[in-house]
Amino acid sequence: MKPLNHTARKKALILFILLYVLSMGLLFAGIFYHYQVPVLENRVLRHELMFQESQQMLQDSFMRRLTIVRRELVAVNEPGNNAVYTDQVIAATLAGMRNIAAASNPNFSFYDDVVQCCLLLQQCKQQLRESSQAQQAILTLKTENATLLQQLESRTRDLDNCRMLLVNSRAQ
C-alpha cells in the first residue's frame, strides 16, 4: 500500500537531502577555509617576522659600529692620541658599515647617508687638525718675527751709534 502523497514526499525527501548536502558542504568548506586561510596567513606573517628580525639585527650591528665611530671621532683630536691610527680605525669601521647594508635593502639610502655624513665629519676633523697645526706654526713664526724685529732694531741702534762715532772721529 502506497500513500497518496508518495510523489510529494519523495520530492520533499530529495529536496531535504539536497539542502542537507548543500548545507553540510558549506559547513565543510567553511571549516576547510577556517583552517587553510590561517595557515597561509601564518606563512606570510612568519616571512614578515623573519624579515623584520633581520632588519633589526642589521640596525643593531649598524648602531654598534656607529657608536664606535662616534667615540673615535670624539677622541681623534685629543692631545696624546695617534690621529693617523684613529683615522684608519674610523675608515675601516665605516667601510664595514657600508658593506653591512646591501644595496637591495629598502633603507640603503639612509644607511649610505649616515656613512657619508661620518666620512664628511672625519674629513672636517682632519682639516681642523691641519688648521690647528698651521695656527701653531703661525704663532711660532709670529714670535720669531717679533724676536727678529727686536734684534733688527737693536742692530739698527748699534749701526746708528757706530755712524755717530765715525762722524765724531772724523770731525776731530
N, C-alpha and C. Protein backbone atom coordinates (compact mmCIF):
# COMPACT_ATOMS: atom_id res chain seq x y z
N MET A 1 0.78 -1.14 0.00
CA MET A 1 0.00 0.00 0.00
C MET A 1 0.86 1.27 0.00
N LYS A 2 0.58 2.08 -0.92
CA LYS A 2 1.33 3.30 -1.10
C LYS A 2 0.52 4.48 -0.60
N PRO A 3 1.18 5.40 0.06
CA PRO A 3 0.45 6.58 0.47
C PRO A 3 0.06 7.42 -0.74
N LEU A 4 -0.94 8.23 -0.55
CA LEU A 4 -1.42 9.05 -1.65
C LEU A 4 -0.42 10.14 -2.04
N ASN A 5 0.30 10.64 -1.14
CA ASN A 5 1.24 11.74 -1.44
C ASN A 5 2.68 11.21 -1.59
N HIS A 6 2.83 10.07 -2.14
CA HIS A 6 4.14 9.44 -2.30
C HIS A 6 5.05 10.31 -3.16
N THR A 7 4.62 10.83 -4.22
CA THR A 7 5.46 11.66 -5.09
C THR A 7 5.84 12.96 -4.38
N ALA A 8 4.92 13.55 -3.65
CA ALA A 8 5.22 14.79 -2.93
C ALA A 8 6.23 14.50 -1.82
N ARG A 9 6.06 13.38 -1.14
CA ARG A 9 7.00 13.00 -0.08
C ARG A 9 8.37 12.72 -0.68
N LYS A 10 8.41 12.05 -1.83
CA LYS A 10 9.68 11.73 -2.48
C LYS A 10 10.39 13.02 -2.88
N LYS A 11 9.62 13.98 -3.45
CA LYS A 11 10.20 15.27 -3.82
C LYS A 11 10.75 16.00 -2.59
N ALA A 12 9.97 15.98 -1.52
CA ALA A 12 10.39 16.65 -0.28
C ALA A 12 11.66 16.00 0.27
N LEU A 13 11.73 14.66 0.22
CA LEU A 13 12.92 13.96 0.72
C LEU A 13 14.15 14.30 -0.12
N ILE A 14 13.96 14.30 -1.43
CA ILE A 14 15.10 14.64 -2.32
C ILE A 14 15.53 16.08 -2.08
N LEU A 15 14.57 16.98 -1.95
CA LEU A 15 14.88 18.38 -1.67
C LEU A 15 15.58 18.51 -0.31
N PHE A 16 15.10 17.77 0.69
CA PHE A 16 15.73 17.79 2.01
C PHE A 16 17.17 17.29 1.92
N ILE A 17 17.36 16.15 1.24
CA ILE A 17 18.72 15.60 1.10
C ILE A 17 19.62 16.57 0.34
N LEU A 18 19.11 17.20 -0.70
CA LEU A 18 19.88 18.17 -1.47
C LEU A 18 20.27 19.36 -0.59
N LEU A 19 19.34 19.91 0.14
CA LEU A 19 19.64 21.05 1.03
C LEU A 19 20.58 20.63 2.16
N TYR A 20 20.38 19.39 2.65
CA TYR A 20 21.26 18.89 3.71
C TYR A 20 22.69 18.76 3.19
N VAL A 21 22.86 18.19 2.00
CA VAL A 21 24.20 18.05 1.41
C VAL A 21 24.79 19.43 1.13
N LEU A 22 23.99 20.34 0.63
CA LEU A 22 24.46 21.70 0.36
C LEU A 22 24.90 22.39 1.64
N SER A 23 24.09 22.30 2.68
CA SER A 23 24.46 22.95 3.95
C SER A 23 25.68 22.29 4.57
N MET A 24 25.76 20.94 4.47
CA MET A 24 26.95 20.27 5.00
C MET A 24 28.18 20.62 4.17
N GLY A 25 28.00 20.76 2.87
CA GLY A 25 29.11 21.17 2.00
C GLY A 25 29.60 22.56 2.39
N LEU A 26 28.67 23.48 2.64
CA LEU A 26 29.05 24.82 3.09
C LEU A 26 29.76 24.76 4.44
N LEU A 27 29.25 23.91 5.31
CA LEU A 27 29.88 23.76 6.62
C LEU A 27 31.31 23.25 6.49
N PHE A 28 31.48 22.19 5.69
CA PHE A 28 32.83 21.65 5.49
C PHE A 28 33.74 22.62 4.76
N ALA A 29 33.22 23.37 3.80
CA ALA A 29 34.01 24.39 3.10
C ALA A 29 34.43 25.48 4.08
N GLY A 30 33.52 25.88 4.95
CA GLY A 30 33.87 26.89 5.97
C GLY A 30 34.95 26.39 6.90
N ILE A 31 34.81 25.14 7.33
CA ILE A 31 35.84 24.56 8.20
C ILE A 31 37.17 24.48 7.46
N PHE A 32 37.12 24.06 6.20
CA PHE A 32 38.34 23.95 5.41
C PHE A 32 39.03 25.30 5.29
N TYR A 33 38.26 26.33 4.91
CA TYR A 33 38.85 27.67 4.79
C TYR A 33 39.28 28.22 6.14
N HIS A 34 38.56 27.85 7.17
CA HIS A 34 38.94 28.29 8.51
C HIS A 34 40.32 27.77 8.88
N TYR A 35 40.65 26.58 8.47
CA TYR A 35 41.95 26.02 8.78
C TYR A 35 42.99 26.32 7.72
N GLN A 36 42.62 26.55 6.47
CA GLN A 36 43.58 26.82 5.42
C GLN A 36 44.02 28.28 5.39
N VAL A 37 43.12 29.20 5.56
CA VAL A 37 43.47 30.62 5.49
C VAL A 37 44.46 31.00 6.58
N PRO A 38 44.29 30.62 7.82
CA PRO A 38 45.30 30.96 8.81
C PRO A 38 46.66 30.33 8.51
N VAL A 39 46.68 29.19 7.89
CA VAL A 39 47.97 28.59 7.54
C VAL A 39 48.70 29.49 6.56
N LEU A 40 47.99 29.98 5.56
CA LEU A 40 48.61 30.90 4.60
C LEU A 40 49.00 32.22 5.26
N GLU A 41 48.12 32.72 6.10
CA GLU A 41 48.44 33.96 6.83
C GLU A 41 49.65 33.76 7.72
N ASN A 42 49.70 32.62 8.39
CA ASN A 42 50.85 32.34 9.26
C ASN A 42 52.13 32.27 8.46
N ARG A 43 52.07 31.69 7.27
CA ARG A 43 53.26 31.62 6.43
C ARG A 43 53.73 33.02 6.05
N VAL A 44 52.79 33.86 5.65
CA VAL A 44 53.13 35.24 5.28
C VAL A 44 53.65 36.01 6.49
N LEU A 45 53.00 35.84 7.62
CA LEU A 45 53.42 36.55 8.83
C LEU A 45 54.79 36.07 9.31
N ARG A 46 55.06 34.77 9.20
CA ARG A 46 56.39 34.27 9.57
C ARG A 46 57.46 34.87 8.67
N HIS A 47 57.16 34.94 7.39
CA HIS A 47 58.12 35.54 6.45
C HIS A 47 58.37 37.01 6.82
N GLU A 48 57.30 37.73 7.11
CA GLU A 48 57.43 39.13 7.50
C GLU A 48 58.21 39.27 8.81
N LEU A 49 57.96 38.38 9.75
CA LEU A 49 58.67 38.40 11.03
C LEU A 49 60.16 38.15 10.82
N MET A 50 60.50 37.19 9.98
CA MET A 50 61.92 36.93 9.70
C MET A 50 62.58 38.13 9.04
N PHE A 51 61.86 38.79 8.14
CA PHE A 51 62.39 39.99 7.50
C PHE A 51 62.62 41.10 8.53
N GLN A 52 61.65 41.31 9.42
CA GLN A 52 61.78 42.34 10.44
C GLN A 52 62.92 42.02 11.41
N GLU A 53 63.08 40.74 11.76
CA GLU A 53 64.17 40.36 12.65
C GLU A 53 65.52 40.59 11.99
N SER A 54 65.63 40.28 10.71
CA SER A 54 66.89 40.53 10.01
C SER A 54 67.17 42.03 9.93
N GLN A 55 66.12 42.83 9.71
CA GLN A 55 66.30 44.28 9.70
C GLN A 55 66.75 44.79 11.07
N GLN A 56 66.18 44.21 12.13
CA GLN A 56 66.55 44.62 13.48
C GLN A 56 68.01 44.25 13.78
N MET A 57 68.43 43.07 13.34
CA MET A 57 69.82 42.66 13.54
C MET A 57 70.75 43.58 12.76
N LEU A 58 70.36 43.95 11.55
CA LEU A 58 71.15 44.88 10.75
C LEU A 58 71.25 46.23 11.45
N GLN A 59 70.16 46.72 11.97
CA GLN A 59 70.17 48.00 12.67
C GLN A 59 71.03 47.94 13.93
N ASP A 60 70.94 46.85 14.68
CA ASP A 60 71.75 46.71 15.88
C ASP A 60 73.23 46.71 15.56
N SER A 61 73.61 45.95 14.54
CA SER A 61 75.01 45.90 14.12
C SER A 61 75.47 47.27 13.63
N PHE A 62 74.63 47.92 12.86
CA PHE A 62 74.96 49.25 12.35
C PHE A 62 75.13 50.24 13.50
N MET A 63 74.25 50.18 14.48
CA MET A 63 74.33 51.10 15.62
C MET A 63 75.57 50.85 16.47
N ARG A 64 75.94 49.57 16.66
CA ARG A 64 77.16 49.28 17.41
C ARG A 64 78.37 49.90 16.73
N ARG A 65 78.45 49.73 15.42
CA ARG A 65 79.58 50.29 14.68
C ARG A 65 79.52 51.82 14.66
N LEU A 66 78.33 52.37 14.58
CA LEU A 66 78.20 53.83 14.60
C LEU A 66 78.65 54.39 15.95
N THR A 67 78.38 53.67 17.02
CA THR A 67 78.84 54.09 18.34
C THR A 67 80.36 54.09 18.40
N ILE A 68 80.98 53.08 17.82
CA ILE A 68 82.45 53.02 17.78
C ILE A 68 82.99 54.20 16.99
N VAL A 69 82.40 54.48 15.84
CA VAL A 69 82.85 55.60 15.00
C VAL A 69 82.69 56.92 15.74
N ARG A 70 81.56 57.10 16.40
CA ARG A 70 81.31 58.34 17.13
C ARG A 70 82.33 58.52 18.26
N ARG A 71 82.62 57.45 18.99
CA ARG A 71 83.60 57.52 20.07
C ARG A 71 85.00 57.86 19.52
N GLU A 72 85.35 57.25 18.40
CA GLU A 72 86.67 57.52 17.80
C GLU A 72 86.75 58.94 17.24
N LEU A 73 85.65 59.44 16.68
CA LEU A 73 85.65 60.80 16.15
C LEU A 73 85.80 61.83 17.27
N VAL A 74 85.23 61.53 18.42
CA VAL A 74 85.38 62.44 19.55
C VAL A 74 86.83 62.45 20.03
N ALA A 75 87.47 61.28 20.01
CA ALA A 75 88.81 61.15 20.57
C ALA A 75 89.92 61.45 19.57
N VAL A 76 89.60 61.62 18.29
CA VAL A 76 90.66 61.72 17.28
C VAL A 76 91.55 62.96 17.47
N ASN A 77 90.99 64.08 17.88
CA ASN A 77 91.78 65.31 18.01
C ASN A 77 92.24 65.61 19.43
N GLU A 78 92.07 64.65 20.33
CA GLU A 78 92.54 64.86 21.69
C GLU A 78 94.05 64.80 21.72
N PRO A 79 94.68 65.58 22.60
CA PRO A 79 96.14 65.53 22.68
C PRO A 79 96.61 64.16 23.18
N GLY A 80 97.70 63.71 22.61
CA GLY A 80 98.26 62.42 23.00
C GLY A 80 97.65 61.25 22.26
N ASN A 81 96.74 61.51 21.36
CA ASN A 81 96.09 60.44 20.61
C ASN A 81 96.77 60.31 19.25
N ASN A 82 96.99 59.07 18.80
CA ASN A 82 97.58 58.83 17.49
C ASN A 82 96.48 59.03 16.44
N ALA A 83 96.47 60.22 15.83
CA ALA A 83 95.39 60.59 14.93
C ALA A 83 95.38 59.75 13.66
N VAL A 84 96.55 59.39 13.16
CA VAL A 84 96.61 58.61 11.92
C VAL A 84 95.99 57.23 12.13
N TYR A 85 96.35 56.59 13.24
CA TYR A 85 95.79 55.26 13.54
C TYR A 85 94.28 55.35 13.77
N THR A 86 93.85 56.37 14.49
CA THR A 86 92.43 56.54 14.76
C THR A 86 91.66 56.79 13.46
N ASP A 87 92.24 57.56 12.55
CA ASP A 87 91.60 57.77 11.25
C ASP A 87 91.48 56.46 10.47
N GLN A 88 92.48 55.61 10.58
CA GLN A 88 92.42 54.30 9.90
C GLN A 88 91.33 53.43 10.52
N VAL A 89 91.21 53.45 11.85
CA VAL A 89 90.16 52.68 12.52
C VAL A 89 88.78 53.17 12.09
N ILE A 90 88.62 54.49 12.03
CA ILE A 90 87.35 55.08 11.61
C ILE A 90 87.02 54.68 10.18
N ALA A 91 88.01 54.78 9.28
CA ALA A 91 87.78 54.44 7.88
C ALA A 91 87.41 52.96 7.72
N ALA A 92 88.09 52.08 8.46
CA ALA A 92 87.79 50.65 8.37
C ALA A 92 86.39 50.35 8.90
N THR A 93 86.03 50.99 9.99
CA THR A 93 84.69 50.76 10.57
C THR A 93 83.60 51.28 9.63
N LEU A 94 83.84 52.44 9.01
CA LEU A 94 82.86 52.98 8.07
C LEU A 94 82.72 52.10 6.83
N ALA A 95 83.84 51.52 6.38
CA ALA A 95 83.77 50.60 5.24
C ALA A 95 82.95 49.37 5.61
N GLY A 96 83.13 48.87 6.83
CA GLY A 96 82.33 47.74 7.29
C GLY A 96 80.86 48.09 7.39
N MET A 97 80.57 49.31 7.85
CA MET A 97 79.18 49.75 7.94
C MET A 97 78.55 49.84 6.55
N ARG A 98 79.32 50.30 5.59
CA ARG A 98 78.80 50.43 4.22
C ARG A 98 78.50 49.05 3.64
N ASN A 99 79.33 48.07 4.00
CA ASN A 99 79.12 46.71 3.48
C ASN A 99 77.99 45.97 4.18
N ILE A 100 77.64 46.39 5.38
CA ILE A 100 76.56 45.71 6.12
C ILE A 100 75.24 45.86 5.38
N ALA A 101 74.94 47.07 4.97
CA ALA A 101 73.65 47.34 4.32
C ALA A 101 73.79 47.07 2.83
N ALA A 102 73.12 46.04 2.36
CA ALA A 102 73.16 45.70 0.94
C ALA A 102 72.37 46.72 0.14
N ALA A 103 72.72 46.84 -1.12
CA ALA A 103 72.04 47.80 -1.98
C ALA A 103 70.57 47.42 -2.20
N SER A 104 70.25 46.16 -2.00
CA SER A 104 68.86 45.72 -2.17
C SER A 104 68.00 46.06 -0.95
N ASN A 105 68.63 46.51 0.12
CA ASN A 105 67.90 46.87 1.34
C ASN A 105 67.04 48.11 1.06
N PRO A 106 65.78 48.11 1.50
CA PRO A 106 64.93 49.27 1.24
C PRO A 106 65.42 50.55 1.94
N ASN A 107 66.20 50.41 3.01
CA ASN A 107 66.71 51.58 3.74
C ASN A 107 68.17 51.86 3.39
N PHE A 108 68.64 51.39 2.25
CA PHE A 108 70.05 51.54 1.89
C PHE A 108 70.45 53.01 1.81
N SER A 109 69.60 53.86 1.27
CA SER A 109 69.96 55.27 1.14
C SER A 109 70.15 55.91 2.51
N PHE A 110 69.36 55.51 3.49
CA PHE A 110 69.53 56.03 4.84
C PHE A 110 70.90 55.63 5.40
N TYR A 111 71.22 54.34 5.32
CA TYR A 111 72.50 53.86 5.83
C TYR A 111 73.66 54.52 5.09
N ASP A 112 73.53 54.66 3.78
CA ASP A 112 74.58 55.27 2.99
C ASP A 112 74.75 56.74 3.38
N ASP A 113 73.66 57.45 3.61
CA ASP A 113 73.74 58.86 4.03
C ASP A 113 74.44 58.99 5.38
N VAL A 114 74.16 58.09 6.30
CA VAL A 114 74.82 58.14 7.60
C VAL A 114 76.32 57.92 7.45
N VAL A 115 76.71 56.96 6.63
CA VAL A 115 78.13 56.69 6.40
C VAL A 115 78.80 57.90 5.74
N GLN A 116 78.12 58.50 4.76
CA GLN A 116 78.69 59.67 4.09
C GLN A 116 78.84 60.85 5.06
N CYS A 117 77.89 61.03 5.94
CA CYS A 117 78.00 62.11 6.95
C CYS A 117 79.18 61.86 7.88
N CYS A 118 79.37 60.61 8.27
CA CYS A 118 80.50 60.28 9.14
C CYS A 118 81.83 60.53 8.41
N LEU A 119 81.88 60.19 7.13
CA LEU A 119 83.10 60.46 6.35
C LEU A 119 83.37 61.95 6.25
N LEU A 120 82.32 62.74 6.02
CA LEU A 120 82.49 64.19 5.98
C LEU A 120 82.96 64.74 7.32
N LEU A 121 82.42 64.21 8.39
CA LEU A 121 82.83 64.64 9.72
C LEU A 121 84.30 64.28 9.96
N GLN A 122 84.72 63.11 9.51
CA GLN A 122 86.12 62.71 9.66
C GLN A 122 87.03 63.66 8.86
N GLN A 123 86.62 64.01 7.65
CA GLN A 123 87.41 64.94 6.84
C GLN A 123 87.49 66.31 7.50
N CYS A 124 86.38 66.76 8.08
CA CYS A 124 86.39 68.05 8.79
C CYS A 124 87.32 68.02 9.99
N LYS A 125 87.33 66.89 10.69
CA LYS A 125 88.24 66.76 11.84
C LYS A 125 89.69 66.80 11.36
N GLN A 126 89.98 66.16 10.22
CA GLN A 126 91.34 66.20 9.68
C GLN A 126 91.73 67.63 9.30
N GLN A 127 90.80 68.37 8.67
CA GLN A 127 91.08 69.75 8.31
C GLN A 127 91.27 70.61 9.55
N LEU A 128 90.50 70.35 10.57
CA LEU A 128 90.64 71.08 11.82
C LEU A 128 92.01 70.82 12.44
N ARG A 129 92.42 69.56 12.41
CA ARG A 129 93.73 69.20 12.94
C ARG A 129 94.84 69.89 12.15
N GLU A 130 94.71 69.89 10.82
CA GLU A 130 95.71 70.56 9.98
C GLU A 130 95.72 72.06 10.21
N SER A 131 94.55 72.65 10.36
CA SER A 131 94.50 74.09 10.58
C SER A 131 95.03 74.46 11.96
N SER A 132 94.82 73.62 12.95
CA SER A 132 95.39 73.91 14.27
C SER A 132 96.90 73.79 14.23
N GLN A 133 97.42 72.86 13.45
CA GLN A 133 98.87 72.76 13.28
C GLN A 133 99.40 73.99 12.55
N ALA A 134 98.64 74.47 11.57
CA ALA A 134 99.03 75.68 10.85
C ALA A 134 98.97 76.89 11.78
N GLN A 135 97.99 76.95 12.65
CA GLN A 135 97.91 78.06 13.61
C GLN A 135 99.09 78.03 14.56
N GLN A 136 99.49 76.83 14.99
CA GLN A 136 100.67 76.72 15.85
C GLN A 136 101.91 77.22 15.10
N ALA A 137 102.03 76.86 13.84
CA ALA A 137 103.16 77.32 13.04
C ALA A 137 103.12 78.84 12.88
N ILE A 138 101.93 79.40 12.67
CA ILE A 138 101.79 80.85 12.54
C ILE A 138 102.19 81.54 13.84
N LEU A 139 101.74 81.02 14.99
CA LEU A 139 102.13 81.62 16.28
C LEU A 139 103.63 81.55 16.49
N THR A 140 104.22 80.43 16.13
CA THR A 140 105.67 80.28 16.26
C THR A 140 106.39 81.29 15.36
N LEU A 141 105.92 81.44 14.14
CA LEU A 141 106.53 82.40 13.22
C LEU A 141 106.33 83.83 13.68
N LYS A 142 105.18 84.14 14.28
CA LYS A 142 104.94 85.50 14.80
C LYS A 142 105.90 85.82 15.94
N THR A 143 106.09 84.87 16.85
CA THR A 143 107.03 85.12 17.96
C THR A 143 108.45 85.24 17.43
N GLU A 144 108.78 84.42 16.46
CA GLU A 144 110.12 84.51 15.86
C GLU A 144 110.28 85.83 15.13
N ASN A 145 109.24 86.30 14.45
CA ASN A 145 109.26 87.57 13.75
C ASN A 145 109.44 88.72 14.74
N ALA A 146 108.75 88.66 15.88
CA ALA A 146 108.89 89.72 16.90
C ALA A 146 110.31 89.74 17.44
N THR A 147 110.88 88.55 17.68
CA THR A 147 112.26 88.47 18.18
C THR A 147 113.23 89.04 17.15
N LEU A 148 113.04 88.69 15.90
CA LEU A 148 113.92 89.21 14.84
C LEU A 148 113.77 90.71 14.66
N LEU A 149 112.55 91.23 14.83
CA LEU A 149 112.35 92.69 14.74
C LEU A 149 113.08 93.40 15.89
N GLN A 150 113.05 92.83 17.07
CA GLN A 150 113.78 93.42 18.21
C GLN A 150 115.28 93.40 17.94
N GLN A 151 115.75 92.27 17.40
CA GLN A 151 117.18 92.19 17.10
C GLN A 151 117.56 93.18 16.01
N LEU A 152 116.69 93.33 15.01
CA LEU A 152 116.95 94.29 13.94
C LEU A 152 116.97 95.71 14.50
N GLU A 153 116.06 96.01 15.39
CA GLU A 153 116.02 97.35 15.99
C GLU A 153 117.28 97.63 16.81
N SER A 154 117.73 96.62 17.57
CA SER A 154 118.95 96.82 18.36
C SER A 154 120.16 96.95 17.44
N ARG A 155 120.20 96.20 16.36
CA ARG A 155 121.32 96.31 15.40
C ARG A 155 121.29 97.67 14.70
N THR A 156 120.08 98.17 14.42
CA THR A 156 119.94 99.48 13.78
C THR A 156 120.45 100.56 14.73
N ARG A 157 120.13 100.45 16.02
CA ARG A 157 120.63 101.41 17.01
C ARG A 157 122.14 101.33 17.10
N ASP A 158 122.68 100.12 17.10
CA ASP A 158 124.13 99.96 17.14
C ASP A 158 124.78 100.57 15.91
N LEU A 159 124.15 100.40 14.73
CA LEU A 159 124.68 100.96 13.50
C LEU A 159 124.64 102.48 13.55
N ASP A 160 123.52 103.01 14.07
CA ASP A 160 123.43 104.48 14.21
C ASP A 160 124.50 105.01 15.16
N ASN A 161 124.74 104.29 16.27
CA ASN A 161 125.78 104.69 17.22
C ASN A 161 127.15 104.63 16.57
N CYS A 162 127.39 103.60 15.80
CA CYS A 162 128.69 103.48 15.12
C CYS A 162 128.88 104.61 14.10
N ARG A 163 127.85 104.97 13.39
CA ARG A 163 127.93 106.07 12.43
C ARG A 163 128.22 107.39 13.13
N MET A 164 127.56 107.58 14.28
CA MET A 164 127.81 108.82 15.02
C MET A 164 129.23 108.87 15.53
N LEU A 165 129.73 107.71 15.98
CA LEU A 165 131.12 107.68 16.44
C LEU A 165 132.06 107.93 15.27
N LEU A 166 131.73 107.40 14.11
CA LEU A 166 132.58 107.59 12.93
C LEU A 166 132.54 109.05 12.50
N VAL A 167 131.42 109.68 12.53
CA VAL A 167 131.28 111.09 12.16
C VAL A 167 132.04 111.95 13.17
N ASN A 168 131.94 111.62 14.46
CA ASN A 168 132.62 112.37 15.52
C ASN A 168 134.12 112.18 15.42
N SER A 169 134.57 110.97 15.08
CA SER A 169 136.00 110.73 14.99
C SER A 169 136.59 111.43 13.77
N ARG A 170 135.87 111.61 12.69
CA ARG A 170 136.37 112.32 11.51
C ARG A 170 136.32 113.83 11.73
N ALA A 171 135.41 114.25 12.53
CA ALA A 171 135.31 115.68 12.81
C ALA A 171 136.44 116.14 13.69
N GLN A 172 137.06 115.33 14.44
CA GLN A 172 138.15 115.74 15.31
C GLN A 172 139.40 115.72 14.58
